Amino acid sequence: MTLTVRDVAVSITPELVEVLSWQDDYSVIDRVLEEHGLLIFALAHDLVAAHNEGDITIRQIGDLTGLSSGMTYDLVDAIYAVRGFGEGPETYTPDNVDGEQPDTDSTEE
C-alpha cells in the first residue's frame, strides 16, 4: 500500500510493520504515532532508511517530518536498533568535542 504525505509517497512495508511492533519497547515509536500519525511515521521510517544509506541528514528528517530534533534523534536511534542498521546516530556533548578553536585568521599558501 502506498500513501502520499506532503507530496512524498510512502509505503506500508513489512519492515515498517516490524518497527511498529516494537512500540511497547521504544516509547518514541508510540509517541510519534500518537502525536503525528501513521503517515508521518511511515515517512520518517523511509527517511531513516535513506539516512542509513547516507542520502539524508537527521536535520533533514526533522525538517521533512515536522518532528522536533530530540524526537527525531530518538526515533532514528529506535529504528536503527529495530532494523539492525548498526549504531544509532552519533551525538556530541561538550565532553567529547574538541575545545580547541581552529585558527581562522591565518591562511595556508
C-alpha atoms as a PDB file:
ATOM      1  CA  MET A   1       0.000   0.000   0.000  1.00  0.00           C
ATOM      2  CA  THR A   2       1.365   3.412  -0.950  1.00  0.00           C
ATOM      3  CA  LEU A   3       0.263   6.665   0.707  1.00  0.00           C
ATOM      4  CA  THR A   4       1.255  10.256  -0.069  1.00  0.00           C
ATOM      5  CA  VAL A   5       2.432  12.709   2.597  1.00  0.00           C
ATOM      6  CA  ARG A   6       3.458  16.256   1.671  1.00  0.00           C
ATOM      7  CA  ASP A   7       3.909  15.217  -1.962  1.00  0.00           C
ATOM      8  CA  VAL A   8       6.113  12.287  -0.895  1.00  0.00           C
ATOM      9  CA  ALA A   9       4.944   8.708  -1.427  1.00  0.00           C
ATOM     10  CA  VAL A  10       5.411   6.300   1.473  1.00  0.00           C
ATOM     11  CA  SER A  11       4.719   2.584   1.530  1.00  0.00           C
ATOM     12  CA  ILE A  12       3.392   0.331   4.235  1.00  0.00           C
ATOM     13  CA  THR A  13       6.007  -2.421   4.096  1.00  0.00           C
ATOM     14  CA  PRO A  14       6.831  -5.471   6.214  1.00  0.00           C
ATOM     15  CA  GLU A  15       9.849  -3.535   7.562  1.00  0.00           C
ATOM     16  CA  LEU A  16       7.578  -0.685   8.702  1.00  0.00           C
ATOM     17  CA  VAL A  17       5.185  -3.134  10.349  1.00  0.00           C
ATOM     18  CA  GLU A  18       8.127  -4.755  12.140  1.00  0.00           C
ATOM     19  CA  VAL A  19       9.226  -1.378  13.540  1.00  0.00           C
ATOM     20  CA  LEU A  20       5.650  -0.593  14.603  1.00  0.00           C
ATOM     21  CA  SER A  21       5.508  -3.885  16.503  1.00  0.00           C
ATOM     22  CA  TRP A  22       8.240  -2.579  18.820  1.00  0.00           C
ATOM     23  CA  GLN A  23       6.246   0.400  20.093  1.00  0.00           C
ATOM     24  CA  ASP A  24       5.967  -1.119  23.586  1.00  0.00           C
ATOM     25  CA  ASP A  25       9.769  -1.314  23.801  1.00  0.00           C
ATOM     26  CA  TYR A  26      10.531   2.113  22.304  1.00  0.00           C
ATOM     27  CA  SER A  27       8.229   4.800  23.667  1.00  0.00           C
ATOM     28  CA  VAL A  28       9.245   7.221  20.909  1.00  0.00           C
ATOM     29  CA  ILE A  29       7.537   4.976  18.335  1.00  0.00           C
ATOM     30  CA  ASP A  30       4.251   5.208  20.223  1.00  0.00           C
ATOM     31  CA  ARG A  31       4.724   8.932  20.822  1.00  0.00           C
ATOM     32  CA  VAL A  32       5.288   9.718  17.130  1.00  0.00           C
ATOM     33  CA  LEU A  33       2.242   7.626  16.206  1.00  0.00           C
ATOM     34  CA  GLU A  34       0.056   9.351  18.806  1.00  0.00           C
ATOM     35  CA  GLU A  35       1.227  12.909  18.112  1.00  0.00           C
ATOM     36  CA  HIS A  36       1.837  12.791  14.351  1.00  0.00           C
ATOM     37  CA  GLY A  37       0.004   9.766  12.941  1.00  0.00           C
ATOM     38  CA  LEU A  38       0.883   6.778  10.805  1.00  0.00           C
ATOM     39  CA  LEU A  39       1.649   8.742   7.636  1.00  0.00           C
ATOM     40  CA  ILE A  40       4.335  10.885   9.280  1.00  0.00           C
ATOM     41  CA  PHE A  41       5.733   7.799  10.998  1.00  0.00           C
ATOM     42  CA  ALA A  42       5.923   5.952   7.669  1.00  0.00           C
ATOM     43  CA  LEU A  43       7.632   8.969   6.092  1.00  0.00           C
ATOM     44  CA  ALA A  44      10.118   9.137   8.964  1.00  0.00           C
ATOM     45  CA  HIS A  45      10.784   5.393   8.638  1.00  0.00           C
ATOM     46  CA  ASP A  46      11.583   5.759   4.927  1.00  0.00           C
ATOM     47  CA  LEU A  47      13.796   8.779   5.631  1.00  0.00           C
ATOM     48  CA  VAL A  48      15.713   6.901   8.347  1.00  0.00           C
ATOM     49  CA  ALA A  49      16.404   4.133   5.818  1.00  0.00           C
ATOM     50  CA  ALA A  50      17.714   6.834   3.450  1.00  0.00           C
ATOM     51  CA  HIS A  51      19.841   8.200   6.319  1.00  0.00           C
ATOM     52  CA  ASN A  52      21.321   4.744   6.800  1.00  0.00           C
ATOM     53  CA  GLU A  53      22.354   4.823   3.133  1.00  0.00           C
ATOM     54  CA  GLY A  54      23.956   8.259   3.638  1.00  0.00           C
ATOM     55  CA  ASP A  55      21.420  10.050   1.444  1.00  0.00           C
ATOM     56  CA  ILE A  56      19.892  12.390   4.047  1.00  0.00           C
ATOM     57  CA  THR A  57      20.790  14.027   7.348  1.00  0.00           C
ATOM     58  CA  ILE A  58      18.950  13.808  10.639  1.00  0.00           C
ATOM     59  CA  ARG A  59      18.211  17.519  10.414  1.00  0.00           C
ATOM     60  CA  GLN A  60      16.536  16.931   7.051  1.00  0.00           C
ATOM     61  CA  ILE A  61      14.444  14.134   8.558  1.00  0.00           C
ATOM     62  CA  GLY A  62      13.202  16.537  11.217  1.00  0.00           C
ATOM     63  CA  ASP A  63      12.505  19.278   8.680  1.00  0.00           C
ATOM     64  CA  LEU A  64      10.611  16.981   6.317  1.00  0.00           C
ATOM     65  CA  THR A  65       8.534  15.318   9.039  1.00  0.00           C
ATOM     66  CA  GLY A  66       7.981  18.268  11.362  1.00  0.00           C
ATOM     67  CA  LEU A  67       9.368  16.296  14.313  1.00  0.00           C
ATOM     68  CA  SER A  68      11.393  18.092  16.975  1.00  0.00           C
ATOM     69  CA  SER A  69      15.125  17.493  16.879  1.00  0.00           C
ATOM     70  CA  GLY A  70      15.023  15.449  20.098  1.00  0.00           C
ATOM     71  CA  MET A  71      12.170  13.278  18.878  1.00  0.00           C
ATOM     72  CA  THR A  72      13.923  12.828  15.533  1.00  0.00           C
ATOM     73  CA  TYR A  73      17.153  11.627  17.190  1.00  0.00           C
ATOM     74  CA  ASP A  74      15.222   9.268  19.478  1.00  0.00           C
ATOM     75  CA  LEU A  75      13.237   7.850  16.549  1.00  0.00           C
ATOM     76  CA  VAL A  76      16.329   7.397  14.396  1.00  0.00           C
ATOM     77  CA  ASP A  77      18.011   5.585  17.278  1.00  0.00           C
ATOM     78  CA  ALA A  78      14.983   3.285  17.769  1.00  0.00           C
ATOM     79  CA  ILE A  79      14.628   2.477  14.070  1.00  0.00           C
ATOM     80  CA  TYR A  80      18.361   1.790  13.773  1.00  0.00           C
ATOM     81  CA  ALA A  81      18.079  -0.668  16.668  1.00  0.00           C
ATOM     82  CA  VAL A  82      14.988  -2.464  15.350  1.00  0.00           C
ATOM     83  CA  ARG A  83      16.144  -2.622  11.740  1.00  0.00           C
ATOM     84  CA  GLY A  84      19.703  -3.627  12.677  1.00  0.00           C
ATOM     85  CA  PHE A  85      21.266  -0.667  10.887  1.00  0.00           C
ATOM     86  CA  GLY A  86      24.160  -0.633  13.336  1.00  0.00           C
ATOM     87  CA  GLU A  87      24.851   2.026  15.888  1.00  0.00           C
ATOM     88  CA  GLY A  88      22.369   4.864  16.106  1.00  0.00           C
ATOM     89  CA  PRO A  89      23.120   8.458  15.234  1.00  0.00           C
ATOM     90  CA  GLU A  90      26.275   9.925  16.681  1.00  0.00           C
ATOM     91  CA  THR A  91      25.612  12.785  19.032  1.00  0.00           C
ATOM     92  CA  TYR A  92      28.089  15.160  20.569  1.00  0.00           C
ATOM     93  CA  THR A  93      28.287  16.561  24.069  1.00  0.00           C
ATOM     94  CA  PRO A  94      30.676  19.178  25.419  1.00  0.00           C
ATOM     95  CA  ASP A  95      32.713  16.325  26.905  1.00  0.00           C
ATOM     96  CA  ASN A  96      33.505  14.694  23.554  1.00  0.00           C
ATOM     97  CA  VAL A  97      34.005  17.753  21.359  1.00  0.00           C
ATOM     98  CA  ASP A  98      37.498  19.134  20.936  1.00  0.00           C
ATOM     99  CA  GLY A  99      37.511  22.510  22.678  1.00  0.00           C
ATOM    100  CA  GLU A 100      40.402  23.820  20.605  1.00  0.00           C
ATOM    101  CA  GLN A 101      39.280  26.544  18.235  1.00  0.00           C
ATOM    102  CA  PRO A 102      40.614  26.400  14.670  1.00  0.00           C
ATOM    103  CA  ASP A 103      42.932  29.196  13.574  1.00  0.00           C
ATOM    104  CA  THR A 104      40.737  31.110  11.145  1.00  0.00           C
ATOM    105  CA  ASP A 105      42.959  34.180  10.928  1.00  0.00           C
ATOM    106  CA  SER A 106      45.808  32.538   9.051  1.00  0.00           C
ATOM    107  CA  THR A 107      45.809  31.226   5.534  1.00  0.00           C
ATOM    108  CA  GLU A 108      47.966  28.499   4.103  1.00  0.00           C
ATOM    109  CA  GLU A 109      49.920  29.249   0.982  1.00  0.00           C
END
